[in-house]
């Protein structure tokens, strides 16, 4: 069962087949012409997290994997150069000088 967060059916559970049908309709409306499965969304989410510089153990926890090797399998096909360049291209986080200080 899937629970819809936003939209006219918000808060109501959907069956797996209803969720798959809606995914296919949305993909067609977006111009996607190849087969798509809901599990591919998990892989795409993991790749996006990695591209954003999120560390593998955090991605592992987010996906609910027991072993880091399972998470690595989800991310196969991504070149390490791409990962490194993505991480290095990120702007360093900026904190205000008084952050965490009690005045």
PDB file of N, CA and C in Angstrom:
ATOM      1  N   UNK A   1       0.827  -1.182   0.000  1.00  0.00           N
ATOM      2  CA  UNK A   1       0.000   0.000   0.000  1.00  0.00           C
ATOM      3  C   UNK A   1       0.874   1.250   0.000  1.00  0.00           C
ATOM      4  N   UNK A   2       0.442   2.233  -0.727  1.00  0.00           N
ATOM      5  CA  UNK A   2       1.120   3.523  -0.810  1.00  0.00           C
ATOM      6  C   UNK A   2       0.156   4.583  -0.308  1.00  0.00           C
ATOM      7  N   UNK A   3       0.686   5.584   0.359  1.00  0.00           N
ATOM      8  CA  UNK A   3      -0.151   6.668   0.838  1.00  0.00           C
ATOM      9  C   UNK A   3       0.221   7.931   0.080  1.00  0.00           C
ATOM     10  N   UNK A   4      -0.761   8.581  -0.506  1.00  0.00           N
ATOM     11  CA  UNK A   4      -0.532   9.784  -1.288  1.00  0.00           C
ATOM     12  C   UNK A   4      -0.397  10.965  -0.339  1.00  0.00           C
ATOM     13  N   UNK A   5       0.644  11.770  -0.554  1.00  0.00           N
ATOM     14  CA  UNK A   5       0.920  12.896   0.334  1.00  0.00           C
ATOM     15  C   UNK A   5       0.171  14.143  -0.103  1.00  0.00           C
ATOM     16  N   UNK A   6       0.135  14.410  -1.412  1.00  0.00           N
ATOM     17  CA  UNK A   6      -0.517  15.623  -1.912  1.00  0.00           C
ATOM     18  C   UNK A   6      -1.493  15.253  -3.021  1.00  0.00           C
ATOM     19  N   UNK A   7      -2.429  16.116  -3.273  1.00  0.00           N
ATOM     20  CA  UNK A   7      -3.384  15.894  -4.348  1.00  0.00           C
ATOM     21  C   UNK A   7      -4.765  15.559  -3.817  1.00  0.00           C
ATOM     22  N   UNK A   8      -5.690  15.273  -4.735  1.00  0.00           N
ATOM     23  CA  UNK A   8      -7.074  15.052  -4.325  1.00  0.00           C
ATOM     24  C   UNK A   8      -7.271  13.798  -3.478  1.00  0.00           C
ATOM     25  N   UNK A   9      -6.341  12.844  -3.547  1.00  0.00           N
ATOM     26  CA  UNK A   9      -6.488  11.630  -2.746  1.00  0.00           C
ATOM     27  C   UNK A   9      -5.525  11.613  -1.557  1.00  0.00           C
ATOM     28  N   UNK A  10      -5.090  12.775  -1.116  1.00  0.00           N
ATOM     29  CA  UNK A  10      -4.127  12.888  -0.016  1.00  0.00           C
ATOM     30  C   UNK A  10      -4.625  12.165   1.227  1.00  0.00           C
ATOM     31  N   UNK A  11      -3.726  11.375   1.822  1.00  0.00           N
ATOM     32  CA  UNK A  11      -4.055  10.669   3.044  1.00  0.00           C
ATOM     33  C   UNK A  11      -4.736   9.339   2.843  1.00  0.00           C
ATOM     34  N   UNK A  12      -5.084   8.993   1.608  1.00  0.00           N
ATOM     35  CA  UNK A  12      -5.744   7.720   1.328  1.00  0.00           C
ATOM     36  C   UNK A  12      -4.742   6.728   0.756  1.00  0.00           C
ATOM     37  N   UNK A  13      -4.839   5.505   1.199  1.00  0.00           N
ATOM     38  CA  UNK A  13      -3.924   4.468   0.722  1.00  0.00           C
ATOM     39  C   UNK A  13      -4.300   4.024  -0.685  1.00  0.00           C
ATOM     40  N   UNK A  14      -3.278   3.788  -1.505  1.00  0.00           N
ATOM     41  CA  UNK A  14      -3.464   3.249  -2.853  1.00  0.00           C
ATOM     42  C   UNK A  14      -2.925   1.835  -2.878  1.00  0.00           C
ATOM     43  N   UNK A  15      -3.478   1.026  -3.728  1.00  0.00           N
ATOM     44  CA  UNK A  15      -2.916  -0.309  -3.931  1.00  0.00           C
ATOM     45  C   UNK A  15      -1.669  -0.167  -4.791  1.00  0.00           C
ATOM     46  N   UNK A  16      -0.845  -1.191  -4.810  1.00  0.00           N
ATOM     47  CA  UNK A  16       0.351  -1.173  -5.648  1.00  0.00           C
ATOM     48  C   UNK A  16       0.016  -0.994  -7.111  1.00  0.00           C
ATOM     49  N   UNK A  17      -1.045  -1.646  -7.586  1.00  0.00           N
ATOM     50  CA  UNK A  17      -1.411  -1.539  -8.999  1.00  0.00           C
ATOM     51  C   UNK A  17      -1.893  -0.124  -9.333  1.00  0.00           C
ATOM     52  N   UNK A  18      -2.606   0.524  -8.425  1.00  0.00           N
ATOM     53  CA  UNK A  18      -3.056   1.897  -8.666  1.00  0.00           C
ATOM     54  C   UNK A  18      -1.858   2.850  -8.727  1.00  0.00           C
ATOM     55  N   UNK A  19      -0.886   2.641  -7.852  1.00  0.00           N
ATOM     56  CA  UNK A  19       0.315   3.486  -7.855  1.00  0.00           C
ATOM     57  C   UNK A  19       1.111   3.288  -9.142  1.00  0.00           C
ATOM     58  N   UNK A  20       1.246   2.024  -9.595  1.00  0.00           N
ATOM     59  CA  UNK A  20       1.960   1.753 -10.848  1.00  0.00           C
ATOM     60  C   UNK A  20       1.255   2.403 -12.033  1.00  0.00           C
ATOM     61  N   UNK A  21      -0.065   2.312 -12.074  1.00  0.00           N
ATOM     62  CA  UNK A  21      -0.837   2.910 -13.156  1.00  0.00           C
ATOM     63  C   UNK A  21      -0.632   4.427 -13.192  1.00  0.00           C
ATOM     64  N   UNK A  22      -0.660   5.058 -12.032  1.00  0.00           N
ATOM     65  CA  UNK A  22      -0.459   6.506 -11.974  1.00  0.00           C
ATOM     66  C   UNK A  22       0.961   6.879 -12.393  1.00  0.00           C
ATOM     67  N   UNK A  23       1.943   6.070 -12.018  1.00  0.00           N
ATOM     68  CA  UNK A  23       3.323   6.307 -12.441  1.00  0.00           C
ATOM     69  C   UNK A  23       3.438   6.236 -13.957  1.00  0.00           C
ATOM     70  N   UNK A  24       2.815   5.238 -14.563  1.00  0.00           N
ATOM     71  CA  UNK A  24       2.857   5.104 -16.020  1.00  0.00           C
ATOM     72  C   UNK A  24       2.154   6.272 -16.704  1.00  0.00           C
ATOM     73  N   UNK A  25       1.022   6.696 -16.183  1.00  0.00           N
ATOM     74  CA  UNK A  25       0.303   7.851 -16.751  1.00  0.00           C
ATOM     75  C   UNK A  25       1.154   9.123 -16.664  1.00  0.00           C
ATOM     76  N   UNK A  26       1.773   9.330 -15.509  1.00  0.00           N
ATOM     77  CA  UNK A  26       2.613  10.513 -15.312  1.00  0.00           C
ATOM     78  C   UNK A  26       3.816  10.486 -16.236  1.00  0.00           C
ATOM     79  N   UNK A  27       4.428   9.309 -16.394  1.00  0.00           N
ATOM     80  CA  UNK A  27       5.583   9.168 -17.290  1.00  0.00           C
ATOM     81  C   UNK A  27       5.189   9.463 -18.730  1.00  0.00           C
ATOM     82  N   UNK A  28       4.066   8.941 -19.176  1.00  0.00           N
ATOM     83  CA  UNK A  28       3.608   9.210 -20.542  1.00  0.00           C
ATOM     84  C   UNK A  28       3.334  10.690 -20.753  1.00  0.00           C
ATOM     85  N   UNK A  29       2.698  11.319 -19.775  1.00  0.00           N
ATOM     86  CA  UNK A  29       2.407  12.750 -19.874  1.00  0.00           C
ATOM     87  C   UNK A  29       3.684  13.577 -19.935  1.00  0.00           C
ATOM     88  N   UNK A  30       4.759  13.067 -19.313  1.00  0.00           N
ATOM     89  CA  UNK A  30       6.046  13.768 -19.312  1.00  0.00           C
ATOM     90  C   UNK A  30       6.870  13.452 -20.552  1.00  0.00           C
ATOM     91  N   UNK A  31       6.360  12.558 -21.406  1.00  0.00           N
ATOM     92  CA  UNK A  31       7.074  12.226 -22.638  1.00  0.00           C
ATOM     93  C   UNK A  31       8.008  11.038 -22.524  1.00  0.00           C
ATOM     94  N   UNK A  32       7.964  10.320 -21.404  1.00  0.00           N
ATOM     95  CA  UNK A  32       8.798   9.125 -21.241  1.00  0.00           C
ATOM     96  C   UNK A  32       8.147   7.995 -22.015  1.00  0.00           C
ATOM     97  N   UNK A  33       8.887   7.427 -22.954  1.00  0.00           N
ATOM     98  CA  UNK A  33       8.313   6.390 -23.813  1.00  0.00           C
ATOM     99  C   UNK A  33       8.823   4.993 -23.509  1.00  0.00           C
ATOM    100  N   UNK A  34       9.698   4.857 -22.528  1.00  0.00           N
ATOM    101  CA  UNK A  34      10.195   3.534 -22.179  1.00  0.00           C
ATOM    102  C   UNK A  34       9.483   3.014 -20.948  1.00  0.00           C
ATOM    103  N   UNK A  35       9.615   1.723 -20.714  1.00  0.00           N
ATOM    104  CA  UNK A  35       8.984   1.129 -19.528  1.00  0.00           C
ATOM    105  C   UNK A  35       9.624   1.708 -18.274  1.00  0.00           C
ATOM    106  N   UNK A  36       8.818   1.924 -17.282  1.00  0.00           N
ATOM    107  CA  UNK A  36       9.320   2.469 -16.027  1.00  0.00           C
ATOM    108  C   UNK A  36       8.641   1.728 -14.877  1.00  0.00           C
ATOM    109  N   UNK A  37       9.415   1.467 -13.841  1.00  0.00           N
ATOM    110  CA  UNK A  37       8.882   0.787 -12.653  1.00  0.00           C
ATOM    111  C   UNK A  37       9.141   1.660 -11.435  1.00  0.00           C
ATOM    112  N   UNK A  38       8.304   1.491 -10.443  1.00  0.00           N
ATOM    113  CA  UNK A  38       8.434   2.321  -9.244  1.00  0.00           C
ATOM    114  C   UNK A  38       9.779   2.098  -8.551  1.00  0.00           C
ATOM    115  N   UNK A  39      10.344   0.909  -8.666  1.00  0.00           N
ATOM    116  CA  UNK A  39      11.636   0.647  -8.033  1.00  0.00           C
ATOM    117  C   UNK A  39      12.737   1.507  -8.654  1.00  0.00           C
ATOM    118  N   UNK A  40      12.568   1.877  -9.916  1.00  0.00           N
ATOM    119  CA  UNK A  40      13.547   2.748 -10.569  1.00  0.00           C
ATOM    120  C   UNK A  40      13.599   4.113  -9.888  1.00  0.00           C
ATOM    121  N   UNK A  41      12.500   4.530  -9.282  1.00  0.00           N
ATOM    122  CA  UNK A  41      12.486   5.799  -8.559  1.00  0.00           C
ATOM    123  C   UNK A  41      13.434   5.747  -7.368  1.00  0.00           C
ATOM    124  N   UNK A  42      13.528   4.586  -6.706  1.00  0.00           N
ATOM    125  CA  UNK A  42      14.473   4.434  -5.597  1.00  0.00           C
ATOM    126  C   UNK A  42      15.903   4.613  -6.078  1.00  0.00           C
ATOM    127  N   UNK A  43      16.215   3.988  -7.232  1.00  0.00           N
ATOM    128  CA  UNK A  43      17.563   4.099  -7.785  1.00  0.00           C
ATOM    129  C   UNK A  43      17.851   5.547  -8.186  1.00  0.00           C
ATOM    130  N   UNK A  44      16.891   6.190  -8.830  1.00  0.00           N
ATOM    131  CA  UNK A  44      17.077   7.578  -9.254  1.00  0.00           C
ATOM    132  C   UNK A  44      17.269   8.481  -8.033  1.00  0.00           C
ATOM    133  N   UNK A  45      16.526   8.221  -6.975  1.00  0.00           N
ATOM    134  CA  UNK A  45      16.654   9.006  -5.747  1.00  0.00           C
ATOM    135  C   UNK A  45      18.048   8.827  -5.150  1.00  0.00           C
ATOM    136  N   UNK A  46      18.545   7.598  -5.133  1.00  0.00           N
ATOM    137  CA  UNK A  46      19.881   7.324  -4.598  1.00  0.00           C
ATOM    138  C   UNK A  46      20.950   8.040  -5.413  1.00  0.00           C
ATOM    139  N   UNK A  47      20.812   8.021  -6.727  1.00  0.00           N
ATOM    140  CA  UNK A  47      21.780   8.695  -7.599  1.00  0.00           C
ATOM    141  C   UNK A  47      21.759  10.198  -7.352  1.00  0.00           C
ATOM    142  N   UNK A  48      20.571  10.770  -7.216  1.00  0.00           N
ATOM    143  CA  UNK A  48      20.472  12.210  -6.950  1.00  0.00           C
ATOM    144  C   UNK A  48      21.101  12.576  -5.614  1.00  0.00           C
ATOM    145  N   UNK A  49      20.876  11.746  -4.605  1.00  0.00           N
ATOM    146  CA  UNK A  49      21.500  12.004  -3.307  1.00  0.00           C
ATOM    147  C   UNK A  49      23.017  11.979  -3.431  1.00  0.00           C
ATOM    148  N   UNK A  50      23.530  11.003  -4.183  1.00  0.00           N
ATOM    149  CA  UNK A  50      24.965  10.907  -4.380  1.00  0.00           C
ATOM    150  C   UNK A  50      25.490  12.123  -5.127  1.00  0.00           C
ATOM    151  N   UNK A  51      24.762  12.566  -6.141  1.00  0.00           N
ATOM    152  CA  UNK A  51      25.166  13.748  -6.905  1.00  0.00           C
ATOM    153  C   UNK A  51      25.166  15.004  -6.043  1.00  0.00           C
ATOM    154  N   UNK A  52      24.336  15.013  -5.008  1.00  0.00           N
ATOM    155  CA  UNK A  52      24.287  16.159  -4.104  1.00  0.00           C
ATOM    156  C   UNK A  52      25.385  16.100  -3.048  1.00  0.00           C
ATOM    157  N   UNK A  53      26.187  15.030  -3.077  1.00  0.00           N
ATOM    158  CA  UNK A  53      27.298  14.911  -2.147  1.00  0.00           C
ATOM    159  C   UNK A  53      26.960  14.225  -0.839  1.00  0.00           C
ATOM    160  N   UNK A  54      25.817  13.565  -0.775  1.00  0.00           N
ATOM    161  CA  UNK A  54      25.432  12.848   0.434  1.00  0.00           C
ATOM    162  C   UNK A  54      26.304  11.599   0.554  1.00  0.00           C
ATOM    163  N   UNK A  55      26.818  11.328   1.752  1.00  0.00           N
ATOM    164  CA  UNK A  55      27.702  10.183   1.963  1.00  0.00           C
ATOM    165  C   UNK A  55      26.940   8.861   1.841  1.00  0.00           C
ATOM    166  N   UNK A  56      27.653   7.841   1.362  1.00  0.00           N
ATOM    167  CA  UNK A  56      27.041   6.532   1.130  1.00  0.00           C
ATOM    168  C   UNK A  56      26.333   5.945   2.359  1.00  0.00           C
ATOM    169  N   UNK A  57      26.910   5.996   3.558  1.00  0.00           N
ATOM    170  CA  UNK A  57      26.183   5.433   4.708  1.00  0.00           C
ATOM    171  C   UNK A  57      24.827   6.106   4.952  1.00  0.00           C
ATOM    172  N   UNK A  58      24.734   7.397   4.656  1.00  0.00           N
ATOM    173  CA  UNK A  58      23.443   8.084   4.822  1.00  0.00           C
ATOM    174  C   UNK A  58      22.455   7.644   3.753  1.00  0.00           C
ATOM    175  N   UNK A  59      22.948   7.439   2.531  1.00  0.00           N
ATOM    176  CA  UNK A  59      22.076   6.934   1.460  1.00  0.00           C
ATOM    177  C   UNK A  59      21.614   5.525   1.809  1.00  0.00           C
ATOM    178  N   UNK A  60      22.538   4.717   2.337  1.00  0.00           N
ATOM    179  CA  UNK A  60      22.207   3.351   2.751  1.00  0.00           C
ATOM    180  C   UNK A  60      21.071   3.363   3.768  1.00  0.00           C
ATOM    181  N   UNK A  61      21.179   4.230   4.763  1.00  0.00           N
ATOM    182  CA  UNK A  61      20.149   4.319   5.794  1.00  0.00           C
ATOM    183  C   UNK A  61      18.826   4.799   5.204  1.00  0.00           C
ATOM    184  N   UNK A  62      18.903   5.787   4.306  1.00  0.00           N
ATOM    185  CA  UNK A  62      17.689   6.340   3.689  1.00  0.00           C
ATOM    186  C   UNK A  62      16.923   5.273   2.904  1.00  0.00           C
ATOM    187  N   UNK A  63      17.687   4.395   2.205  1.00  0.00           N
ATOM    188  CA  UNK A  63      17.055   3.351   1.405  1.00  0.00           C
ATOM    189  C   UNK A  63      16.684   2.118   2.226  1.00  0.00           C
ATOM    190  N   UNK A  64      17.172   2.059   3.477  1.00  0.00           N
ATOM    191  CA  UNK A  64      16.840   0.935   4.340  1.00  0.00           C
ATOM    192  C   UNK A  64      17.630  -0.321   4.041  1.00  0.00           C
ATOM    193  N   UNK A  65      18.822  -0.185   3.474  1.00  0.00           N
ATOM    194  CA  UNK A  65      19.652  -1.345   3.160  1.00  0.00           C
ATOM    195  C   UNK A  65      20.442  -1.780   4.387  1.00  0.00           C
ATOM    196  N   UNK A  66      20.565  -3.083   4.582  1.00  0.00           N
ATOM    197  CA  UNK A  66      21.351  -3.613   5.691  1.00  0.00           C
ATOM    198  C   UNK A  66      22.842  -3.536   5.403  1.00  0.00           C
ATOM    199  N   UNK A  67      23.198  -3.683   4.133  1.00  0.00           N
ATOM    200  CA  UNK A  67      24.605  -3.738   3.747  1.00  0.00           C
ATOM    201  C   UNK A  67      24.926  -2.620   2.762  1.00  0.00           C
ATOM    202  N   UNK A  68      26.091  -2.027   2.940  1.00  0.00           N
ATOM    203  CA  UNK A  68      26.536  -0.955   2.051  1.00  0.00           C
ATOM    204  C   UNK A  68      26.704  -1.458   0.623  1.00  0.00           C
ATOM    205  N   UNK A  69      27.029  -2.736   0.461  1.00  0.00           N
ATOM    206  CA  UNK A  69      27.206  -3.298  -0.883  1.00  0.00           C
ATOM    207  C   UNK A  69      25.895  -3.257  -1.679  1.00  0.00           C
ATOM    208  N   UNK A  70      24.764  -3.388  -0.993  1.00  0.00           N
ATOM    209  CA  UNK A  70      23.465  -3.305  -1.668  1.00  0.00           C
ATOM    210  C   UNK A  70      23.254  -1.898  -2.211  1.00  0.00           C
ATOM    211  N   UNK A  71      23.617  -0.906  -1.421  1.00  0.00           N
ATOM    212  CA  UNK A  71      23.501   0.483  -1.858  1.00  0.00           C
ATOM    213  C   UNK A  71      24.433   0.725  -3.039  1.00  0.00           C
ATOM    214  N   UNK A  72      25.640   0.161  -2.969  1.00  0.00           N
ATOM    215  CA  UNK A  72      26.586   0.295  -4.073  1.00  0.00           C
ATOM    216  C   UNK A  72      26.041  -0.268  -5.372  1.00  0.00           C
ATOM    217  N   UNK A  73      25.295  -1.367  -5.277  1.00  0.00           N
ATOM    218  CA  UNK A  73      24.688  -1.967  -6.462  1.00  0.00           C
ATOM    219  C   UNK A  73      23.687  -1.006  -7.100  1.00  0.00           C
ATOM    220  N   UNK A  74      22.945  -0.271  -6.275  1.00  0.00           N
ATOM    221  CA  UNK A  74      21.977   0.709  -6.792  1.00  0.00           C
ATOM    222  C   UNK A  74      22.672   1.816  -7.577  1.00  0.00           C
ATOM    223  N   UNK A  75      23.925   2.076  -7.230  1.00  0.00           N
ATOM    224  CA  UNK A  75      24.642   3.208  -7.806  1.00  0.00           C
ATOM    225  C   UNK A  75      25.619   2.792  -8.901  1.00  0.00           C
ATOM    226  N   UNK A  76      25.578   1.536  -9.321  1.00  0.00           N
ATOM    227  CA  UNK A  76      26.475   1.077 -10.381  1.00  0.00           C
ATOM    228  C   UNK A  76      26.206   1.837 -11.665  1.00  0.00           C
ATOM    229  N   UNK A  77      27.252   2.034 -12.427  1.00  0.00           N
ATOM    230  CA  UNK A  77      27.118   2.735 -13.690  1.00  0.00           C
ATOM    231  C   UNK A  77      27.456   4.208 -13.583  1.00  0.00           C
ATOM    232  N   UNK A  78      27.778   4.670 -12.391  1.00  0.00           N
ATOM    233  CA  UNK A  78      28.167   6.059 -12.200  1.00  0.00           C
ATOM    234  C   UNK A  78      29.678   6.087 -12.084  1.00  0.00           C
ATOM    235  N   UNK A  79      30.326   6.878 -12.897  1.00  0.00           N
ATOM    236  CA  UNK A  79      31.784   6.932 -12.868  1.00  0.00           C
ATOM    237  C   UNK A  79      32.267   7.652 -11.613  1.00  0.00           C
ATOM    238  N   UNK A  80      33.381   7.175 -11.070  1.00  0.00           N
ATOM    239  CA  UNK A  80      33.913   7.803  -9.868  1.00  0.00           C
ATOM    240  C   UNK A  80      34.368   9.230 -10.159  1.00  0.00           C
ATOM    241  N   UNK A  81      34.825   9.497 -11.390  1.00  0.00           N
ATOM    242  CA  UNK A  81      35.216  10.862 -11.752  1.00  0.00           C
ATOM    243  C   UNK A  81      34.015  11.797 -11.671  1.00  0.00           C
ATOM    244  N   UNK A  82      32.865  11.307 -12.100  1.00  0.00           N
ATOM    245  CA  UNK A  82      31.645  12.125 -12.038  1.00  0.00           C
ATOM    246  C   UNK A  82      31.288  12.433 -10.590  1.00  0.00           C
ATOM    247  N   UNK A  83      31.419  11.445  -9.725  1.00  0.00           N
ATOM    248  CA  UNK A  83      31.103  11.639  -8.312  1.00  0.00           C
ATOM    249  C   UNK A  83      32.057  12.658  -7.696  1.00  0.00           C
ATOM    250  N   UNK A  84      33.356  12.469  -7.948  1.00  0.00           N
ATOM    251  CA  UNK A  84      34.361  13.366  -7.379  1.00  0.00           C
ATOM    252  C   UNK A  84      34.162  14.789  -7.879  1.00  0.00           C
ATOM    253  N   UNK A  85      33.929  14.957  -9.181  1.00  0.00           N
ATOM    254  CA  UNK A  85      33.751  16.306  -9.721  1.00  0.00           C
ATOM    255  C   UNK A  85      32.486  16.959  -9.171  1.00  0.00           C
ATOM    256  N   UNK A  86      31.452  16.176  -8.942  1.00  0.00           N
ATOM    257  CA  UNK A  86      30.213  16.711  -8.376  1.00  0.00           C
ATOM    258  C   UNK A  86      30.441  17.200  -6.949  1.00  0.00           C
ATOM    259  N   UNK A  87      31.153  16.397  -6.170  1.00  0.00           N
ATOM    260  CA  UNK A  87      31.426  16.783  -4.790  1.00  0.00           C
ATOM    261  C   UNK A  87      32.304  18.028  -4.746  1.00  0.00           C
ATOM    262  N   UNK A  88      33.338  18.086  -5.591  1.00  0.00           N
ATOM    263  CA  UNK A  88      34.238  19.236  -5.586  1.00  0.00           C
ATOM    264  C   UNK A  88      33.575  20.498  -6.133  1.00  0.00           C
ATOM    265  N   UNK A  89      32.566  20.345  -6.960  1.00  0.00           N
ATOM    266  CA  UNK A  89      31.881  21.500  -7.537  1.00  0.00           C
ATOM    267  C   UNK A  89      30.917  22.151  -6.545  1.00  0.00           C
ATOM    268  N   UNK A  90      30.601  21.456  -5.468  1.00  0.00           N
ATOM    269  CA  UNK A  90      29.678  22.014  -4.473  1.00  0.00           C
ATOM    270  C   UNK A  90      30.322  23.169  -3.744  1.00  0.00           C
ATOM    271  N   UNK A  91      29.521  24.162  -3.472  1.00  0.00           N
ATOM    272  CA  UNK A  91      29.970  25.305  -2.685  1.00  0.00           C
ATOM    273  C   UNK A  91      30.119  24.877  -1.232  1.00  0.00           C
ATOM    274  N   UNK A  92      31.136  25.363  -0.588  1.00  0.00           N
ATOM    275  CA  UNK A  92      31.339  25.038   0.825  1.00  0.00           C
ATOM    276  C   UNK A  92      30.207  25.632   1.652  1.00  0.00           C
ATOM    277  N   UNK A  93      29.737  24.911   2.671  1.00  0.00           N
ATOM    278  CA  UNK A  93      28.677  25.469   3.504  1.00  0.00           C
ATOM    279  C   UNK A  93      29.188  26.692   4.265  1.00  0.00           C
ATOM    280  N   UNK A  94      28.331  27.663   4.409  1.00  0.00           N
ATOM    281  CA  UNK A  94      28.708  28.912   5.086  1.00  0.00           C
ATOM    282  C   UNK A  94      27.887  29.022   6.366  1.00  0.00           C
ATOM    283  N   UNK A  95      28.587  29.319   7.462  1.00  0.00           N
ATOM    284  CA  UNK A  95      27.916  29.509   8.745  1.00  0.00           C
ATOM    285  C   UNK A  95      28.207  30.912   9.242  1.00  0.00           C
ATOM    286  N   UNK A  96      27.244  31.516   9.869  1.00  0.00           N
ATOM    287  CA  UNK A  96      27.453  32.813  10.474  1.00  0.00           C
ATOM    288  C   UNK A  96      28.440  32.662  11.613  1.00  0.00           C
ATOM    289  N   UNK A  97      29.293  33.649  11.815  1.00  0.00           N
ATOM    290  CA  UNK A  97      30.351  33.578  12.827  1.00  0.00           C
ATOM    291  C   UNK A  97      29.818  33.341  14.230  1.00  0.00           C
ATOM    292  N   UNK A  98      28.603  33.802  14.522  1.00  0.00           N
ATOM    293  CA  UNK A  98      28.068  33.648  15.883  1.00  0.00           C
ATOM    294  C   UNK A  98      27.198  32.395  16.033  1.00  0.00           C
ATOM    295  N   UNK A  99      27.135  31.569  15.016  1.00  0.00           N
ATOM    296  CA  UNK A  99      26.285  30.377  15.089  1.00  0.00           C
ATOM    297  C   UNK A  99      26.758  29.464  16.203  1.00  0.00           C
ATOM    298  N   UNK A 100      25.860  29.049  17.059  1.00  0.00           N
ATOM    299  CA  UNK A 100      26.164  28.135  18.140  1.00  0.00           C
ATOM    300  C   UNK A 100      26.768  28.789  19.371  1.00  0.00           C
ATOM    301  N   UNK A 101      26.980  30.071  19.337  1.00  0.00           N
ATOM    302  CA  UNK A 101      27.533  30.762  20.502  1.00  0.00           C
ATOM    303  C   UNK A 101      26.410  31.382  21.318  1.00  0.00           C
ATOM    304  N   UNK A 102      26.521  31.261  22.608  1.00  0.00           N
ATOM    305  CA  UNK A 102      25.551  31.919  23.460  1.00  0.00           C
ATOM    306  C   UNK A 102      26.056  33.311  23.783  1.00  0.00           C
ATOM    307  N   UNK A 103      25.216  34.274  23.566  1.00  0.00           N
ATOM    308  CA  UNK A 103      25.623  35.661  23.829  1.00  0.00           C
ATOM    309  C   UNK A 103      25.086  36.148  25.149  1.00  0.00           C
TER     310      UNK A 103
END
